[in-house]
Structure formats: structure tokens, C-alpha cells
Amino acid sequence: SISSSCESLDERRSYNNYLPPPSNYSNQSVPFTPSTSLIEQVINGLNEETTNLARNISYSDSTSDDDEVNLYEMRVPIGKTYDTSDISVQLEGPKILIHCHTIEPTDKRGNYRKHELKTELLVPDIVDDETIAAYLTEDGDLIVEGKYHSWAWKEIKKKRRIEQE
């Protein structure tokens, strides 16, 4: 039985050295002060680019010559209620057990709202159990992915080529 916690895409796949090119404002007569909405737009744009870049880089070791990705992916929409520390992902035999649990205070008197989600996914035999990982997206989707066994991946690529012809 393998047990692990979920990681955020931002935590595992972020690149702090990714910065926009410096701009030259020295010839302006009025100092530039960006608005809050502009700053948020720039940060959101950079976060999206960083996530896409990180995702592409992480797939580089699993791509073949014809740019196909050796990756089996399952998505579970769990919502934005849970943080990565609230999620448990366990592999037990052919099943992945997902348990999400959080307690949200509703007022100062000690009242709270409890959120809990339990579900399980079946992992096909063609997926290598040792490569399974789970990630939480900003949209509230839990992505569980793993690479195909090499023998299965060869057959999948062969079948795709036949379908394309």
C-alpha cells in the first residue's frame, strides 16, 4: 500500500527564476505606478505561463519522437474548498482511494462547517503503479496521473497510428 499527500501544481512545478524582461522607464517624466488590477493581471498571466511551461517541461521525459505523451490521466472535480494538506491519496491494489476533509469556521462562537469527500478510482493494469502522482489545480480539479508500462505504451502508439491511417 502506497500512501501520499497531494501536491499543488504551483508548489511542485513552479519556477521562481521565470521573470518578465526588464523594462526601461528611465526616459519617462512621471514615475510609473501600476494599478492593482494591472498587477493582478500580470501575476495571473505569469502564473498561467509558468504552469504551462512547468507542465511542458515535466512531460519532456515522457514524450516520444512523435510528440505523443506517455501519460494516463484521471481528473476528479473536488472544488476549491480543499487545500493540498486536506487531501489524502492512497494506492491500494488496483484502486486509488481519495479522501478530502476540512473544517471551516463559520463564526466566532465556535460553529463550523465540515466538508468531506471520499471516492475511489480504478487504475488499469497498463499503468505503472510506481509512476502515479496526484496534483491539485487552481480550478479545483484533482489530477491523478501515471505513465503507461512500456509494453502497453508501444501497443497504444501502434493502435493510434493504425487509426490515423
Protein backbone atom coordinates (compact mmCIF):
# COMPACT_ATOMS: atom_id res chain seq x y z
CA SER A 1 0.00 0.00 0.00
CA ILE A 2 1.42 3.34 -1.07
CA SER A 3 0.19 6.48 0.65
CA SER A 4 0.96 10.07 -0.20
CA SER A 5 -0.42 13.53 0.11
CA CYS A 6 -1.44 15.63 -2.82
CA GLU A 7 0.78 18.40 -4.15
CA SER A 8 -0.26 21.64 -5.72
CA LEU A 9 0.88 22.26 -9.28
CA ASP A 10 2.21 25.59 -8.03
CA GLU A 11 4.25 24.01 -5.21
CA ARG A 12 5.85 21.18 -7.19
CA ARG A 13 6.14 22.65 -10.65
CA SER A 14 6.86 26.34 -10.11
CA TYR A 15 9.91 28.13 -11.38
CA ASN A 16 10.93 31.17 -9.35
CA ASN A 17 13.52 32.28 -11.90
CA TYR A 18 10.87 32.94 -14.55
CA LEU A 19 10.63 36.72 -14.65
CA PRO A 20 9.43 39.09 -17.36
CA PRO A 21 12.12 41.00 -19.27
CA PRO A 22 13.07 44.25 -17.52
CA SER A 23 11.51 47.41 -18.89
CA ASN A 24 13.20 50.76 -19.23
CA TYR A 25 11.21 53.58 -17.65
CA SER A 26 14.14 55.96 -17.21
CA ASN A 27 13.04 58.28 -20.03
CA GLN A 28 9.59 58.88 -18.54
CA SER A 29 8.97 62.17 -16.77
CA VAL A 30 6.27 60.76 -14.46
CA PRO A 31 7.02 57.72 -12.27
CA PHE A 32 5.06 54.63 -13.31
CA THR A 33 2.74 53.23 -10.64
CA PRO A 34 0.78 50.20 -11.87
CA SER A 35 -2.81 49.79 -10.71
CA THR A 36 -3.84 46.87 -8.53
CA SER A 37 -5.85 45.32 -11.38
CA LEU A 38 -2.87 45.58 -13.74
CA ILE A 39 -0.61 43.91 -11.18
CA GLU A 40 -3.18 41.12 -10.69
CA GLN A 41 -3.48 40.62 -14.47
CA VAL A 42 0.30 40.40 -14.86
CA ILE A 43 0.65 37.99 -11.92
CA ASN A 44 -2.21 35.79 -13.17
CA GLY A 45 -0.70 35.79 -16.67
CA LEU A 46 2.72 34.84 -15.32
CA ASN A 47 1.23 32.12 -13.11
CA GLU A 48 -0.60 30.65 -16.11
CA GLU A 49 2.52 30.80 -18.30
CA THR A 50 4.62 29.27 -15.51
CA THR A 51 2.12 26.46 -15.00
CA ASN A 52 2.01 25.73 -18.74
CA LEU A 53 5.80 25.91 -19.02
CA ALA A 54 6.27 23.68 -15.99
CA ARG A 55 3.74 21.16 -17.28
CA ASN A 56 5.51 21.03 -20.67
CA ILE A 57 8.91 20.62 -19.02
CA SER A 58 7.65 17.85 -16.75
CA TYR A 59 6.28 15.96 -19.75
CA SER A 60 9.53 16.21 -21.72
CA ASP A 61 10.86 12.95 -20.31
CA SER A 62 7.67 11.09 -21.17
CA THR A 63 7.27 12.22 -24.78
CA SER A 64 8.24 10.15 -27.75
CA ASP A 65 9.68 11.23 -31.10
CA ASP A 66 6.23 11.96 -32.47
CA ASP A 67 5.28 14.25 -29.54
CA GLU A 68 2.76 11.84 -28.02
CA VAL A 69 2.59 11.85 -24.23
CA ASN A 70 3.04 8.58 -22.34
CA LEU A 71 0.60 9.55 -19.61
CA TYR A 72 -2.68 8.17 -18.32
CA GLU A 73 -4.66 10.90 -16.58
CA MET A 74 -7.78 10.89 -14.43
CA ARG A 75 -9.47 14.12 -13.26
CA VAL A 76 -11.69 14.39 -10.21
CA PRO A 77 -13.53 17.71 -9.72
CA ILE A 78 -13.29 18.27 -5.95
CA GLY A 79 -13.88 22.03 -5.85
CA LYS A 80 -11.86 24.84 -4.34
CA THR A 81 -12.79 24.02 -0.74
CA TYR A 82 -9.79 21.79 -0.09
CA ASP A 83 -6.13 22.67 0.28
CA THR A 84 -3.37 20.18 -0.54
CA SER A 85 -2.95 19.40 3.17
CA ASP A 86 -6.65 18.37 3.31
CA ILE A 87 -6.28 15.68 0.64
CA SER A 88 -5.07 12.10 1.07
CA VAL A 89 -4.39 9.86 -1.94
CA GLN A 90 -3.66 6.17 -1.32
CA LEU A 91 -2.95 3.35 -3.75
CA GLU A 92 -4.36 0.01 -2.58
CA GLY A 93 -4.06 -2.70 -5.18
CA PRO A 94 -5.82 -1.61 -8.36
CA LYS A 95 -7.66 1.23 -6.58
CA ILE A 96 -6.74 4.81 -5.75
CA LEU A 97 -8.56 5.98 -2.63
CA ILE A 98 -9.11 9.73 -2.37
CA HIS A 99 -10.16 11.32 0.91
CA CYS A 100 -10.65 15.07 1.29
CA HIS A 101 -11.53 16.55 4.67
CA THR A 102 -11.64 20.11 6.01
CA ILE A 103 -13.34 22.07 8.77
CA GLU A 104 -14.31 25.68 8.02
CA PRO A 105 -15.16 28.04 10.92
CA THR A 106 -18.41 29.93 10.24
CA ASP A 107 -18.41 32.43 13.11
CA LYS A 108 -16.62 33.50 16.31
CA ARG A 109 -18.83 31.35 18.57
CA GLY A 110 -17.14 28.11 17.53
CA ASN A 111 -19.60 26.99 14.88
CA TYR A 112 -18.10 25.33 11.85
CA ARG A 113 -18.89 23.65 8.56
CA LYS A 114 -17.33 20.27 7.81
CA HIS A 115 -16.53 19.28 4.21
CA GLU A 116 -15.65 15.70 3.34
CA LEU A 117 -15.29 13.78 0.09
CA LYS A 118 -14.39 10.13 -0.37
CA THR A 119 -14.05 8.45 -3.74
CA GLU A 120 -12.04 5.76 -5.43
CA LEU A 121 -10.63 5.30 -8.91
CA LEU A 122 -9.69 2.07 -10.62
CA VAL A 123 -6.20 2.05 -12.12
CA PRO A 124 -5.89 0.00 -15.31
CA ASP A 125 -3.24 -2.74 -15.37
CA ILE A 126 -1.47 -0.92 -18.21
CA VAL A 127 -0.47 1.94 -15.86
CA ASP A 128 2.78 1.64 -13.88
CA ASP A 129 1.85 1.98 -10.18
CA GLU A 130 5.29 3.38 -9.32
CA THR A 131 4.73 6.48 -11.50
CA ILE A 132 1.35 7.55 -10.13
CA ALA A 133 1.20 11.12 -8.79
CA ALA A 134 -1.61 13.47 -7.76
CA TYR A 135 -1.85 17.24 -8.28
CA LEU A 136 -4.41 19.86 -7.36
CA THR A 137 -5.15 22.55 -9.95
CA GLU A 138 -6.23 26.11 -9.20
CA ASP A 139 -9.63 25.25 -10.71
CA GLY A 140 -10.27 22.63 -8.03
CA ASP A 141 -9.56 19.52 -10.11
CA LEU A 142 -7.52 16.71 -8.61
CA ILE A 143 -5.39 15.19 -11.37
CA VAL A 144 -4.15 11.66 -10.82
CA GLU A 145 -1.69 10.57 -13.49
CA GLY A 146 0.78 7.83 -14.23
CA LYS A 147 2.87 6.54 -17.10
CA TYR A 148 1.88 3.52 -19.11
CA HIS A 149 4.02 0.38 -18.83
CA SER A 150 6.46 0.34 -21.76
CA TRP A 151 4.80 -2.72 -23.34
CA ALA A 152 1.39 -1.05 -23.15
CA TRP A 153 2.68 2.27 -24.49
CA LYS A 154 4.11 0.52 -27.58
CA GLU A 155 0.73 -1.07 -28.27
CA ILE A 156 -1.13 2.22 -27.72
CA LYS A 157 1.15 4.06 -30.16
CA LYS A 158 0.74 1.25 -32.71
CA LYS A 159 -3.07 1.42 -32.37
CA ARG A 160 -3.08 5.22 -32.76
CA ARG A 161 -1.01 5.00 -35.96
CA ILE A 162 -3.45 2.48 -37.41
CA GLU A 163 -6.42 4.73 -36.51
CA GLN A 164 -4.77 7.76 -38.15
CA GLU A 165 -4.28 5.93 -41.46
